[in-house]
Protein backbone atom coordinates (compact mmCIF):
# COMPACT_ATOMS: atom_id res chain seq x y z
CA UNK A 1 7.59 -3.63 6.62
CA UNK A 2 4.99 -3.87 9.41
CA UNK A 3 2.99 -0.90 10.67
CA UNK A 4 4.36 -1.31 14.19
CA UNK A 5 7.79 -0.31 12.85
CA UNK A 6 6.70 2.90 11.16
CA UNK A 7 9.79 4.73 10.00
CA UNK A 8 10.56 8.41 10.51
CA UNK A 9 10.61 9.30 6.83
CA UNK A 10 8.83 12.57 6.02
CA UNK A 11 6.30 13.50 3.38
CA UNK A 12 6.67 17.07 2.17
CA UNK A 13 3.18 18.51 1.85
CA UNK A 14 3.94 21.11 -0.79
CA UNK A 15 0.63 22.89 -0.59
CA UNK A 16 0.81 23.35 3.17
CA UNK A 17 4.57 23.76 3.46
CA UNK A 18 4.60 21.43 6.48
CA UNK A 19 6.51 18.24 7.26
CA UNK A 20 4.25 15.27 7.91
CA UNK A 21 5.39 11.80 9.10
CA UNK A 22 4.76 9.03 6.60
CA UNK A 23 3.80 5.41 7.12
CA UNK A 24 6.16 2.49 7.31
CA UNK A 25 6.49 1.96 3.60
CA UNK A 26 6.09 5.51 2.41
CA UNK A 27 9.04 7.22 0.86
CA UNK A 28 9.19 11.01 0.85
CA UNK A 29 7.35 12.37 -2.15
CA UNK A 30 6.23 15.78 -3.30
CA UNK A 31 2.64 14.69 -3.14
CA UNK A 32 1.02 17.70 -4.74
CA UNK A 33 3.37 18.22 -7.67
CA UNK A 34 1.94 16.72 -10.88
CA UNK A 35 4.24 14.44 -12.83
CA UNK A 36 4.53 16.73 -15.82
CA UNK A 37 5.78 19.54 -13.60
CA UNK A 38 8.78 17.59 -12.31
CA UNK A 39 11.89 18.14 -14.46
CA UNK A 40 13.42 14.97 -15.83
CA UNK A 41 17.08 14.58 -16.58
CA UNK A 42 17.95 14.22 -20.24
CA UNK A 43 21.61 13.40 -19.61
CA UNK A 44 21.37 9.72 -18.66
CA UNK A 45 22.28 7.66 -21.73
CA UNK A 46 20.29 4.67 -22.92
CA UNK A 47 21.09 1.46 -21.09
CA UNK A 48 19.19 -1.20 -23.06
CA UNK A 49 19.06 -4.48 -21.19
CA UNK A 50 19.54 -7.62 -23.30
CA UNK A 51 16.24 -9.07 -24.54
CA UNK A 52 16.59 -12.08 -22.25
CA UNK A 53 16.88 -9.81 -19.19
CA UNK A 54 13.84 -7.78 -20.18
CA UNK A 55 11.98 -11.03 -20.83
CA UNK A 56 13.04 -12.44 -17.45
CA UNK A 57 11.76 -9.38 -15.61
CA UNK A 58 8.51 -9.46 -17.59
CA UNK A 59 8.17 -13.15 -16.68
CA UNK A 60 8.26 -12.16 -12.98
CA UNK A 61 4.94 -10.35 -13.30
CA UNK A 62 3.00 -10.61 -11.05
CA UNK A 63 4.95 -10.89 -7.81
CA UNK A 64 4.17 -11.35 -4.11
CA UNK A 65 6.02 -10.51 -0.88
CA UNK A 66 6.52 -13.05 1.90
CA UNK A 67 6.30 -10.18 4.38
CA UNK A 68 6.75 -10.24 8.17
CA UNK A 69 8.51 -13.59 7.99
CA UNK A 70 12.26 -13.75 7.35
CA UNK A 71 12.30 -9.96 7.74
CA UNK A 72 11.01 -10.26 11.33
CA UNK A 73 13.48 -8.86 13.83
CA UNK A 74 12.72 -11.50 16.46
CA UNK A 75 14.24 -14.93 16.93
CA UNK A 76 12.80 -16.59 13.84
CA UNK A 77 10.33 -16.36 10.97
CA UNK A 78 7.28 -16.77 13.27
CA UNK A 79 8.11 -13.96 15.69
CA UNK A 80 5.75 -11.47 14.00
CA UNK A 81 2.80 -13.84 14.06
CA UNK A 82 3.01 -15.64 10.74
CA UNK A 83 3.34 -19.45 10.52
CA UNK A 84 6.46 -21.21 9.33
CA UNK A 85 6.75 -21.29 5.57
CA UNK A 86 5.80 -24.62 4.00
CA UNK A 87 5.92 -25.98 0.46
CA UNK A 88 2.11 -25.96 0.58
CA UNK A 89 2.06 -22.19 1.21
CA UNK A 90 4.34 -21.52 -1.73
CA UNK A 91 2.31 -23.84 -3.96
CA UNK A 92 -0.82 -22.02 -2.81
CA UNK A 93 0.62 -18.67 -3.84
CA UNK A 94 1.77 -20.09 -7.16
CA UNK A 95 -1.77 -21.36 -7.77
CA UNK A 96 -3.07 -17.80 -7.35
CA UNK A 97 -1.18 -16.76 -10.47
CA UNK A 98 1.95 -15.25 -8.93
CA UNK A 99 5.17 -15.85 -10.83
CA UNK A 100 7.72 -14.27 -8.51
CA UNK A 101 8.21 -14.04 -4.79
CA UNK A 102 10.22 -11.51 -2.83
CA UNK A 103 11.60 -12.88 0.43
CA UNK A 104 12.70 -9.94 2.61
CA UNK A 105 15.41 -10.94 5.09
CA UNK A 106 16.61 -9.10 8.21
CA UNK A 107 20.10 -10.28 9.11
CA UNK A 108 20.94 -8.33 12.28
CA UNK A 109 19.88 -10.97 14.78
CA UNK A 110 21.67 -13.73 12.85
CA UNK A 111 25.14 -12.13 12.67
CA UNK A 112 28.23 -12.91 14.68
CA UNK A 113 30.92 -10.49 15.78
CA UNK A 114 33.33 -8.47 13.68
CA UNK A 115 35.38 -8.71 11.63
CA UNK A 116 33.76 -11.62 9.79
CA UNK A 117 30.16 -11.20 11.05
CA UNK A 118 29.38 -14.87 10.38
CA UNK A 119 25.74 -15.60 9.59
CA UNK A 120 24.14 -18.17 11.85
CA UNK A 121 24.35 -21.47 9.98
CA UNK A 122 20.86 -22.63 10.92
CA UNK A 123 19.23 -19.35 9.82
CA UNK A 124 21.04 -19.41 6.49
CA UNK A 125 20.19 -23.08 5.95
CA UNK A 126 16.51 -22.37 6.60
CA UNK A 127 16.50 -19.53 4.09
CA UNK A 128 18.21 -21.72 1.52
CA UNK A 129 15.56 -24.39 2.08
CA UNK A 130 12.68 -21.99 1.43
CA UNK A 131 14.41 -20.42 -1.57
CA UNK A 132 14.93 -23.91 -3.02
CA UNK A 133 11.25 -24.75 -2.55
CA UNK A 134 10.23 -21.55 -4.32
CA UNK A 135 12.64 -22.12 -7.21
CA UNK A 136 11.44 -25.71 -7.55
CA UNK A 137 7.88 -24.37 -7.77
CA UNK A 138 8.93 -22.27 -10.75
CA UNK A 139 9.07 -18.90 -9.00
CA UNK A 140 11.54 -16.16 -9.70
CA UNK A 141 12.84 -15.34 -6.21
CA UNK A 142 14.30 -12.13 -4.79
CA UNK A 143 16.19 -11.94 -1.48
CA UNK A 144 17.68 -8.86 0.14
CA UNK A 145 18.96 -7.05 3.21
CA UNK A 146 15.76 -5.69 4.74
CA UNK A 147 15.16 -3.99 8.12
CA UNK A 148 18.91 -3.70 8.65
CA UNK A 149 18.46 -0.50 6.61
CA UNK A 150 17.03 1.37 9.60
CA UNK A 151 18.58 -0.78 12.34
CA UNK A 152 22.23 0.00 11.58
CA UNK A 153 22.91 0.81 7.93
CA UNK A 154 21.38 4.24 8.50
CA UNK A 155 24.25 5.09 10.88
CA UNK A 156 26.69 5.07 7.98
CA UNK A 157 27.31 8.85 8.01
CA UNK A 158 28.80 8.65 11.52
CA UNK A 159 30.20 5.09 11.37
CA UNK A 160 31.09 4.62 7.74
CA UNK A 161 33.77 1.94 7.90
CA UNK A 162 31.99 -0.25 10.45
CA UNK A 163 28.71 -0.19 8.52
CA UNK A 164 30.34 -0.84 5.16
CA UNK A 165 32.38 -3.74 6.56
CA UNK A 166 29.29 -5.36 8.07
CA UNK A 167 27.27 -4.82 4.89
CA UNK A 168 30.04 -6.30 2.76
CA UNK A 169 30.38 -9.29 5.09
CA UNK A 170 26.69 -10.11 4.71
CA UNK A 171 26.74 -9.95 0.93
CA UNK A 172 29.99 -11.91 0.72
CA UNK A 173 28.34 -14.77 2.61
CA UNK A 174 25.02 -14.57 0.73
CA UNK A 175 26.84 -14.57 -2.61
CA UNK A 176 28.85 -17.62 -1.59
CA UNK A 177 25.80 -19.48 -0.28
CA UNK A 178 23.78 -18.95 -3.46
CA UNK A 179 26.65 -18.88 -5.96
CA UNK A 180 25.32 -21.78 -7.98
CA UNK A 181 21.58 -21.20 -7.52
CA UNK A 182 19.19 -20.94 -10.43
CA UNK A 183 19.42 -17.74 -12.48
CA UNK A 184 15.80 -17.17 -11.41
CA UNK A 185 17.19 -16.08 -8.02
CA UNK A 186 17.73 -12.31 -7.80
CA UNK A 187 19.64 -10.29 -5.21
CA UNK A 188 18.36 -6.88 -4.01
CA UNK A 189 21.09 -4.77 -2.43
CA UNK A 190 19.09 -3.17 0.41
CA UNK A 191 15.47 -2.41 1.27
CA UNK A 192 14.28 1.20 1.61
CA UNK A 193 17.77 2.67 2.15
CA UNK A 194 17.90 5.68 4.45
CA UNK A 195 20.59 7.52 6.38
CA UNK A 196 20.79 9.63 9.50
CA UNK A 197 21.69 13.27 9.09
CA UNK A 198 25.27 14.20 8.45
CA UNK A 199 26.19 12.57 5.17
CA UNK A 200 25.71 12.73 1.42
CA UNK A 201 22.82 10.27 1.12
CA UNK A 202 23.12 9.86 -2.65
CA UNK A 203 26.83 9.13 -2.43
CA UNK A 204 26.36 6.68 0.45
CA UNK A 205 23.71 4.70 -1.40
CA UNK A 206 25.81 4.68 -4.57
CA UNK A 207 28.69 3.32 -2.51
CA UNK A 208 26.55 0.52 -1.06
CA UNK A 209 25.05 -0.39 -4.42
CA UNK A 210 28.46 -0.38 -6.09
CA UNK A 211 30.05 -2.45 -3.33
CA UNK A 212 27.18 -4.95 -3.50
CA UNK A 213 27.60 -5.22 -7.27
CA UNK A 214 31.35 -5.77 -6.99
CA UNK A 215 31.04 -8.46 -4.29
CA UNK A 216 28.38 -10.45 -6.11
CA UNK A 217 30.01 -10.28 -9.53
CA UNK A 218 33.40 -11.13 -8.06
CA UNK A 219 32.07 -14.26 -6.32
CA UNK A 220 31.94 -16.16 -9.60
CA UNK A 221 29.67 -18.98 -10.70
CA UNK A 222 26.13 -17.99 -11.52
CA UNK A 223 26.65 -14.69 -9.74
CA UNK A 224 28.67 -13.28 -12.64
CA UNK A 225 25.44 -12.76 -14.59
CA UNK A 226 22.78 -12.99 -11.90
CA UNK A 227 20.10 -10.29 -12.08
CA UNK A 228 20.80 -7.64 -9.46
CA UNK A 229 18.21 -5.22 -8.13
CA UNK A 230 19.21 -1.71 -7.02
CA UNK A 231 16.90 0.68 -5.11
CA UNK A 232 16.54 4.41 -5.15
CA UNK A 233 17.01 6.31 -1.90
CA UNK A 234 14.02 5.39 0.31
CA UNK A 235 12.86 3.38 -2.76
CA UNK A 236 11.11 6.62 -3.67
CA UNK A 237 9.95 7.44 -7.17
CA UNK A 238 10.72 11.15 -6.81
CA UNK A 239 12.61 12.30 -9.87
CA UNK A 240 15.77 13.31 -8.04
CA UNK A 241 16.17 9.80 -6.61
CA UNK A 242 15.38 8.13 -9.93
CA UNK A 243 18.08 10.22 -11.61
CA UNK A 244 20.61 9.34 -8.92
CA UNK A 245 20.03 5.63 -9.38
CA UNK A 246 20.08 5.94 -13.16
CA UNK A 247 23.52 7.52 -12.85
CA UNK A 248 24.76 4.64 -10.68
CA UNK A 249 23.44 2.01 -13.10
CA UNK A 250 25.03 3.78 -16.05
CA UNK A 251 28.37 3.97 -14.24
CA UNK A 252 28.27 0.23 -13.50
CA UNK A 253 27.89 -0.58 -17.18
CA UNK A 254 26.14 -3.87 -16.36
CA UNK A 255 23.05 -4.69 -18.38
CA UNK A 256 21.90 -7.35 -15.90
CA UNK A 257 20.88 -4.70 -13.37
CA UNK A 258 17.27 -3.82 -12.49
CA UNK A 259 15.91 -0.70 -10.78
CA UNK A 260 13.37 -0.88 -7.95
CA UNK A 261 11.01 1.53 -6.21
CA UNK A 262 8.07 1.03 -3.82
CA UNK A 263 4.63 2.57 -4.12
CA UNK A 264 1.91 2.94 -1.49
CA UNK A 265 -0.14 5.64 -3.12
CA UNK A 266 -0.78 9.29 -2.37
CA UNK A 267 -0.13 9.39 1.36
CA UNK A 268 -3.36 11.08 2.58
CA UNK A 269 -5.40 8.52 0.64
CA UNK A 270 -3.14 5.64 1.62
CA UNK A 271 -3.79 6.09 5.35
CA UNK A 272 -7.10 8.04 5.17
CA UNK A 273 -6.05 11.39 6.58
CA UNK A 274 -6.36 15.06 5.57
CA UNK A 275 -9.64 14.42 3.79
CA UNK A 276 -8.05 11.91 1.45
CA UNK A 277 -10.66 9.21 1.91
CA UNK A 278 -11.56 9.06 -1.80
CA UNK A 279 -9.42 7.90 -4.72
CA UNK A 280 -9.87 11.32 -6.25
CA UNK A 281 -8.07 13.20 -9.02
CA UNK A 282 -5.14 14.09 -6.74
CA UNK A 283 -4.60 10.49 -5.67
CA UNK A 284 -4.95 9.30 -9.27
CA UNK A 285 -2.42 11.85 -10.52
CA UNK A 286 0.07 10.75 -7.88
CA UNK A 287 -0.17 7.18 -9.20
CA UNK A 288 -0.01 8.22 -12.85
CA UNK A 289 2.97 10.49 -12.17
CA UNK A 290 4.91 7.73 -10.46
CA UNK A 291 4.55 5.34 -13.38
CA UNK A 292 5.35 8.08 -15.90
CA UNK A 293 8.58 9.03 -14.14
CA UNK A 294 9.67 5.42 -13.69
CA UNK A 295 8.93 4.67 -17.33
CA UNK A 296 10.71 7.72 -18.70
CA UNK A 297 13.78 7.39 -16.47
CA UNK A 298 14.30 3.63 -16.73
CA UNK A 299 11.98 1.57 -18.92
CA UNK A 300 12.25 3.84 -21.97
CA UNK A 301 16.04 3.64 -21.65
CA UNK A 302 16.09 -0.13 -21.47
CA UNK A 303 16.46 -0.54 -17.69
CA UNK A 304 13.83 -2.97 -16.32
CA UNK A 305 11.90 -1.91 -13.23
CA UNK A 306 10.36 -3.87 -10.39
CA UNK A 307 7.98 -2.17 -7.95
CA UNK A 308 9.21 -4.36 -5.13
CA UNK A 309 6.35 -3.42 -2.78
CA UNK A 310 2.95 -1.89 -3.43
CA UNK A 311 -0.32 -1.56 -1.57
CA UNK A 312 -1.89 0.97 0.78
CA UNK A 313 -0.27 1.95 4.07
CA UNK A 314 -3.53 1.81 5.98
CA UNK A 315 -3.56 -1.95 5.36
CA UNK A 316 -0.90 -2.34 8.06
CA UNK A 317 -3.62 -1.52 10.60
CA UNK A 318 -6.74 -2.75 8.84
CA UNK A 319 -7.73 -3.28 5.23
CA UNK A 320 -10.93 -1.45 6.20
CA UNK A 321 -9.08 1.83 6.72
CA UNK A 322 -9.81 2.59 3.06
CA UNK A 323 -13.41 2.12 1.88
CA UNK A 324 -13.82 -0.94 -0.33
CA UNK A 325 -14.83 0.73 -3.58
CA UNK A 326 -12.13 3.39 -3.28
CA UNK A 327 -9.42 0.77 -2.73
CA UNK A 328 -10.68 -1.29 -5.69
CA UNK A 329 -10.37 1.76 -7.97
CA UNK A 330 -6.78 2.25 -6.77
CA UNK A 331 -5.76 -1.32 -7.55
CA UNK A 332 -7.56 -1.31 -10.90
CA UNK A 333 -5.65 1.74 -12.10
CA UNK A 334 -2.37 0.55 -10.57
CA UNK A 335 -2.53 -2.76 -12.43
CA UNK A 336 -3.37 -1.04 -15.70
CA UNK A 337 -0.50 1.41 -15.40
CA UNK A 338 1.93 -1.39 -14.57
CA UNK A 339 0.89 -3.18 -17.76
CA UNK A 340 1.09 -0.24 -20.14
CA UNK A 341 4.41 0.93 -18.67
CA UNK A 342 5.92 -2.60 -18.69
CA UNK A 343 6.72 -2.60 -14.98
CA UNK A 344 6.79 -5.74 -12.82
CA UNK A 345 4.99 -5.41 -9.48
CA UNK A 346 5.15 -7.31 -6.18
CA UNK A 347 2.20 -7.07 -3.78
CA UNK A 348 3.17 -6.38 -0.16
CA UNK A 349 1.52 -8.98 2.04
CA UNK A 350 2.49 -9.30 5.70
CA UNK A 351 -0.31 -11.79 6.30
CA UNK A 352 -3.21 -9.37 5.95
CA UNK A 353 -4.16 -10.54 2.44
CA UNK A 354 -3.48 -14.25 1.90
CA UNK A 355 -4.34 -16.54 4.81
CA UNK A 356 -1.19 -18.61 5.08
CA UNK A 357 -2.92 -21.41 6.98
CA UNK A 358 -6.22 -21.68 5.14
CA UNK A 359 -4.58 -20.70 1.81
CA UNK A 360 -7.46 -18.38 0.95
CA UNK A 361 -7.80 -14.63 0.42
CA UNK A 362 -9.16 -12.65 3.32
CA UNK A 363 -10.79 -10.26 0.83
CA UNK A 364 -11.64 -12.26 -2.31
CA UNK A 365 -13.15 -9.21 -4.01
CA UNK A 366 -9.90 -7.28 -3.64
CA UNK A 367 -7.85 -10.20 -4.94
CA UNK A 368 -10.28 -10.59 -7.87
CA UNK A 369 -9.69 -6.95 -8.84
CA UNK A 370 -5.91 -7.29 -8.50
CA UNK A 371 -5.82 -10.49 -10.54
CA UNK A 372 -8.03 -9.06 -13.28
CA UNK A 373 -5.80 -5.98 -13.52
CA UNK A 374 -2.87 -8.17 -14.57
CA UNK A 375 -4.65 -8.85 -17.86
CA UNK A 376 -7.20 -6.15 -18.63
CA UNK A 377 -9.13 -3.15 -17.40
CA UNK A 378 -12.34 -3.27 -15.40
CA UNK A 379 -15.14 -0.74 -15.27
CA UNK A 380 -15.84 0.99 -11.96
CA UNK A 381 -18.21 3.69 -10.70
CA UNK A 382 -18.06 6.82 -8.57
CA UNK A 383 -19.05 4.69 -5.58
CA UNK A 384 -20.00 1.16 -4.59
CA UNK A 385 -22.57 2.51 -2.09
CA UNK A 386 -26.01 3.88 -2.93
CA UNK A 387 -27.73 5.32 0.16
CA UNK A 388 -31.45 5.98 0.34
CA UNK A 389 -32.84 7.76 3.40
CA UNK A 390 -35.43 5.63 5.14
CA UNK A 391 -37.27 8.75 6.28
CA UNK A 392 -37.65 10.10 2.73
CA UNK A 393 -39.73 8.98 -0.27
CA UNK A 394 -37.94 6.64 -2.70
CA UNK A 395 -36.91 8.42 -5.91
CA UNK A 396 -34.79 7.51 -8.91
CA UNK A 397 -31.04 7.67 -8.26
CA UNK A 398 -28.13 8.16 -10.66
CA UNK A 399 -24.53 6.96 -10.37
CA UNK A 400 -21.62 7.79 -12.66
CA UNK A 401 -19.86 4.87 -14.32
CA UNK A 402 -16.15 4.81 -15.12
CA UNK A 403 -15.98 2.33 -18.03
CA UNK A 404 -12.17 2.60 -18.29
CA UNK A 405 -12.29 1.66 -21.97
CA UNK A 406 -14.78 -1.17 -21.54
CA UNK A 407 -18.44 -1.27 -22.54
CA UNK A 408 -21.55 -1.53 -20.40
CA UNK A 409 -22.91 -5.10 -20.49
CA UNK A 410 -25.85 -4.98 -18.12
CA UNK A 411 -27.14 -4.53 -14.60
CA UNK A 412 -27.81 -7.66 -12.58
CA UNK A 413 -29.47 -8.68 -9.33
CA UNK A 414 -27.78 -11.97 -8.57
CA UNK A 415 -27.94 -13.92 -11.83
CA UNK A 416 -31.03 -12.09 -13.08
CA UNK A 417 -30.53 -9.37 -15.66
CA UNK A 418 -32.51 -6.25 -14.86
CA UNK A 419 -34.56 -4.61 -17.58
CA UNK A 420 -33.32 -1.52 -19.31
CA UNK A 421 -36.07 1.08 -19.38
CA UNK A 422 -38.24 -0.17 -16.54
CA UNK A 423 -35.49 -0.96 -14.01
CA UNK A 424 -32.76 1.41 -15.15
CA UNK A 425 -31.68 3.78 -17.91
CA UNK A 426 -28.25 4.56 -19.27
CA UNK A 427 -27.25 7.86 -20.82
CA UNK A 428 -23.53 8.06 -21.58
CA UNK A 429 -21.85 7.22 -18.29
CA UNK A 430 -24.94 8.05 -16.20
CA UNK A 431 -26.70 4.95 -14.85
CA UNK A 432 -30.09 5.76 -13.33
CA UNK A 433 -31.97 3.29 -11.16
CA UNK A 434 -35.71 3.84 -11.31
CA UNK A 435 -37.83 4.48 -8.21
CA UNK A 436 -39.78 1.32 -9.03
CA UNK A 437 -36.62 -0.79 -8.90
CA UNK A 438 -35.34 0.87 -5.73
CA UNK A 439 -38.62 0.27 -3.90
CA UNK A 440 -38.25 -3.42 -4.74
CA UNK A 441 -34.59 -3.51 -3.73
CA UNK A 442 -35.11 -1.69 -0.43
CA UNK A 443 -37.73 -4.23 0.66
CA UNK A 444 -38.95 -3.34 4.17
CA UNK A 445 -36.40 -0.50 4.37
CA UNK A 446 -34.73 -1.71 7.53
CA UNK A 447 -31.28 -0.20 7.99
CA UNK A 448 -28.20 -1.44 6.15
CA UNK A 449 -27.56 -3.21 2.86
CA UNK A 450 -30.91 -4.24 1.45
CA UNK A 451 -29.76 -5.50 -1.96
CA UNK A 452 -26.55 -5.87 -3.95
CA UNK A 453 -26.42 -5.19 -7.66
CA UNK A 454 -23.71 -6.08 -10.16
CA UNK A 455 -22.74 -3.69 -12.95
CA UNK A 456 -21.20 -5.81 -15.68
CA UNK A 457 -18.83 -4.57 -18.33
CA UNK A 458 -17.50 -6.17 -21.48
CA UNK A 459 -14.15 -6.89 -19.81
CA UNK A 460 -12.77 -7.32 -16.34
CA UNK A 461 -14.61 -7.94 -13.09
CA UNK A 462 -18.13 -6.62 -12.38
CA UNK A 463 -18.65 -3.62 -10.14
CA UNK A 464 -20.59 -4.39 -6.97
CA UNK A 465 -23.17 -1.77 -5.95
CA UNK A 466 -24.75 -2.03 -2.48
CA UNK A 467 -28.16 -0.41 -2.03
CA UNK A 468 -28.53 0.76 1.57
CA UNK A 469 -31.31 2.14 3.72
CA UNK A 470 -30.19 4.67 6.31
CA UNK A 471 -31.04 7.64 8.47
CA UNK A 472 -28.66 10.19 9.94
CA UNK A 473 -26.61 8.54 12.73
CA UNK A 474 -27.29 9.59 16.32
CA UNK A 475 -24.44 10.07 18.85
CA UNK A 476 -25.17 10.34 22.57
CA UNK A 477 -23.42 11.65 25.67
CA UNK A 478 -20.70 9.61 27.36
CA UNK A 479 -18.04 9.72 30.04
CA UNK A 480 -14.82 7.75 29.85
CA UNK A 481 -11.07 8.04 29.92
CA UNK A 482 -8.23 8.83 27.54
CA UNK A 483 -7.28 5.18 27.22
CA UNK A 484 -10.16 4.47 24.84
CA UNK A 485 -13.19 6.70 24.79
CA UNK A 486 -16.32 5.20 23.23
CA UNK A 487 -19.09 7.38 21.81
CA UNK A 488 -22.42 5.51 21.81
CA UNK A 489 -23.57 5.61 18.20
CA UNK A 490 -26.73 4.50 16.45
CA UNK A 491 -25.26 4.19 12.95
CA UNK A 492 -28.74 3.68 11.43
CA UNK A 493 -27.32 1.88 8.40
CA UNK A 494 -24.70 4.53 7.60
CA UNK A 495 -20.91 4.12 7.47
CA UNK A 496 -18.22 6.44 8.78
CA UNK A 497 -15.84 8.00 6.26
CA UNK A 498 -13.72 10.47 8.24
CA UNK A 499 -13.58 12.82 11.24
CA UNK A 500 -12.42 16.39 11.81
CA UNK A 501 -11.31 17.83 15.16
CA UNK A 502 -11.07 21.56 15.96
CA UNK A 503 -10.82 23.86 18.98
CA UNK A 504 -13.19 26.76 19.57
CA UNK A 505 -10.83 29.18 17.80
CA UNK A 506 -10.81 27.01 14.66
CA UNK A 507 -7.32 25.56 15.17
CA UNK A 508 -6.85 21.85 14.67
CA UNK A 509 -6.93 19.43 17.59
CA UNK A 510 -5.20 16.10 18.07
CA UNK A 511 -2.30 14.46 16.24
CA UNK A 512 -1.23 15.76 12.81
CA UNK A 513 -2.35 19.25 13.74
CA UNK A 514 -1.59 20.51 10.23
CA UNK A 515 -5.01 19.17 9.18
CA UNK A 516 -8.49 19.09 10.70
CA UNK A 517 -9.05 15.61 9.27
CA UNK A 518 -7.69 12.96 11.62
CA UNK A 519 -6.13 9.61 10.67
CA UNK A 520 -8.62 6.76 10.44
CA UNK A 521 -7.89 3.85 12.82
CA UNK A 522 -5.00 5.68 14.46
CA UNK A 523 -7.13 8.35 16.16
CA UNK A 524 -10.69 7.11 15.69
CA UNK A 525 -12.52 4.06 14.38
CA UNK A 526 -16.13 2.89 14.18
CA UNK A 527 -17.21 -0.36 15.81
CA UNK A 528 -20.48 -1.19 14.09
CA UNK A 529 -21.06 -4.35 16.10
CA UNK A 530 -20.65 -2.62 19.47
CA UNK A 531 -22.46 0.53 18.29
CA UNK A 532 -19.69 2.97 19.19
CA UNK A 533 -17.08 5.25 17.65
CA UNK A 534 -13.82 4.87 19.56
CA UNK A 535 -11.36 7.72 20.10
CA UNK A 536 -7.88 6.37 20.83
CA UNK A 537 -5.25 7.26 23.39
CA UNK A 538 -3.14 8.57 20.49
CA UNK A 539 -5.81 11.17 19.82
CA UNK A 540 -6.10 12.38 23.41
CA UNK A 541 -2.32 12.39 23.93
CA UNK A 542 -2.24 15.52 21.75
CA UNK A 543 -5.43 17.23 22.92
CA UNK A 544 -5.08 20.28 25.15
CA UNK A 545 -6.35 19.71 28.68
CA UNK A 546 -9.69 21.35 29.48
CA UNK A 547 -10.06 22.73 25.95
CA UNK A 548 -13.36 21.62 24.35
CA UNK A 549 -12.92 19.91 20.99
CA UNK A 550 -15.56 19.88 18.29
CA UNK A 551 -15.64 16.65 16.31
CA UNK A 552 -17.43 16.40 13.00
CA UNK A 553 -18.13 12.87 11.79
CA UNK A 554 -18.63 12.63 8.03
CA UNK A 555 -20.48 9.58 6.76
CA UNK A 556 -20.53 7.94 3.35
CA UNK A 557 -24.19 8.88 2.87
CA UNK A 558 -23.10 12.52 3.00
CA UNK A 559 -24.49 13.05 6.51
CA UNK A 560 -22.40 15.00 9.04
CA UNK A 561 -22.85 14.83 12.81
CA UNK A 562 -21.21 17.14 15.37
CA UNK A 563 -20.01 16.00 18.79
CA UNK A 564 -18.08 17.74 21.58
CA UNK A 565 -15.43 16.20 23.84
CA UNK A 566 -13.39 17.67 26.68
CA UNK A 567 -10.37 16.06 28.25
CA UNK A 568 -9.66 16.86 31.90
CA UNK A 569 -6.61 14.93 32.96
CA UNK A 570 -7.41 11.34 32.04
CA UNK A 571 -11.18 11.87 32.17
CA UNK A 572 -13.14 12.57 29.00
CA UNK A 573 -16.71 13.80 28.70
CA UNK A 574 -18.65 13.96 25.49
CA UNK A 575 -21.99 15.29 24.29
CA UNK A 576 -23.80 15.66 21.00
CA UNK A 577 -23.71 19.16 19.57
């Protein structure tokens, strides 16, 4: 689901007691409640899928989403900016190690009038062509009803019969069209189901899932035993929704049914807001709790699980919303937990990860971490950035390693192994770089990355460590407008982590006024090439006129710089503080 279609789902911030809008993929979750504190139902009986079903779902790992393509709400698969799907694209994805592909499909714009709601023949034929290519390539393939969930299915409380009839008409035609397709084709009943106020959401979703199951099974042919994928409400992994779906699956009594949820991380970390710019203990516990609940509710009872979408919500704007090392730690732990909990995962990619024309990864380092996590753990560290102030003497510096069950195998500069003792020391998980080594790495001490080291472990991918020279950034006065205000900034080799915004009385300024920390990229963003920090129109749209705002910019070196802005109508003035 693209960022431009951010849904109105809410994240309940338990600690603050305030409702906060989530990103496009985020399902509501009690973000601050640890997994062990959430009661789990003990009344759902064991399901136990046949060994061949469990094996089939395991064989789907890892999976990839063909996002922003057939799920686009425009005229065709290119309307959201991606190229037409080709056999070469699918072969390119297969060559990356992916074994399954989820093809989200939005049907609204391809449907005729009631009562039959015929699907446009050309659109269906094109989907069948791409599905056939994927199956011929050896993929397991999943198709679904996608953005229809918020376009019209969500009106079911007020328009029950019309919605159900339209939903049933779509699945009746899909089931007929793919009746004799390979058993490696899976059907997913609906993506991220949600309903407007006024109904019993759990009952409505159970009705849709049950109707879907009945239509597909009743269509005969290969559909009598085809693997069917059923979502939780919002595809959330909150315990209440897992229990609801477990009850539906038990009532169906069909062992060829799979459960699905989506996961985009602890929301503040996922979009870089509310001070959540690090993959800290809270963000880690959110991930661990999700896998624990999914395992205990489904996997341990013999119901296979597919995480049909995963990633970070900030990626919908820019993969740079989350700092590189922090995102790598997220994906390393996610892949490990998927393995140990026997859960199949499908990476959400709307074109921001795999270049569908060049058939290469836009961020090879990220892909390398993801791919490695399918097989083993990798060591990491508390950061991938080591800052040394240019204005200060060079001294020894220590970083904390996170071996993640691996062993330390050496510190390298390029292909050259550095010498233990003279270049570095290691005591437990504390890696110390000597002053002698740092003086050599920093060279002439001009600003920015001066050298890149590689921490190697006995398994997995190495951990990259950039050694940077910096001084505290300098921000200068500016005048502009609310459309896009640019603060002239000499970054001096530093990198921006986050920003707070407060009024003189200490209250919070700008959007999401439940937190001082504003959302990266949505309200502010650095432009290192242009030498500015930009404040967006979204930020000023919720700033009180003529009320001075104090901004604090927090950098990855640990430096903080204060700046003051005042909006007067559409005019903005700013000055260093």
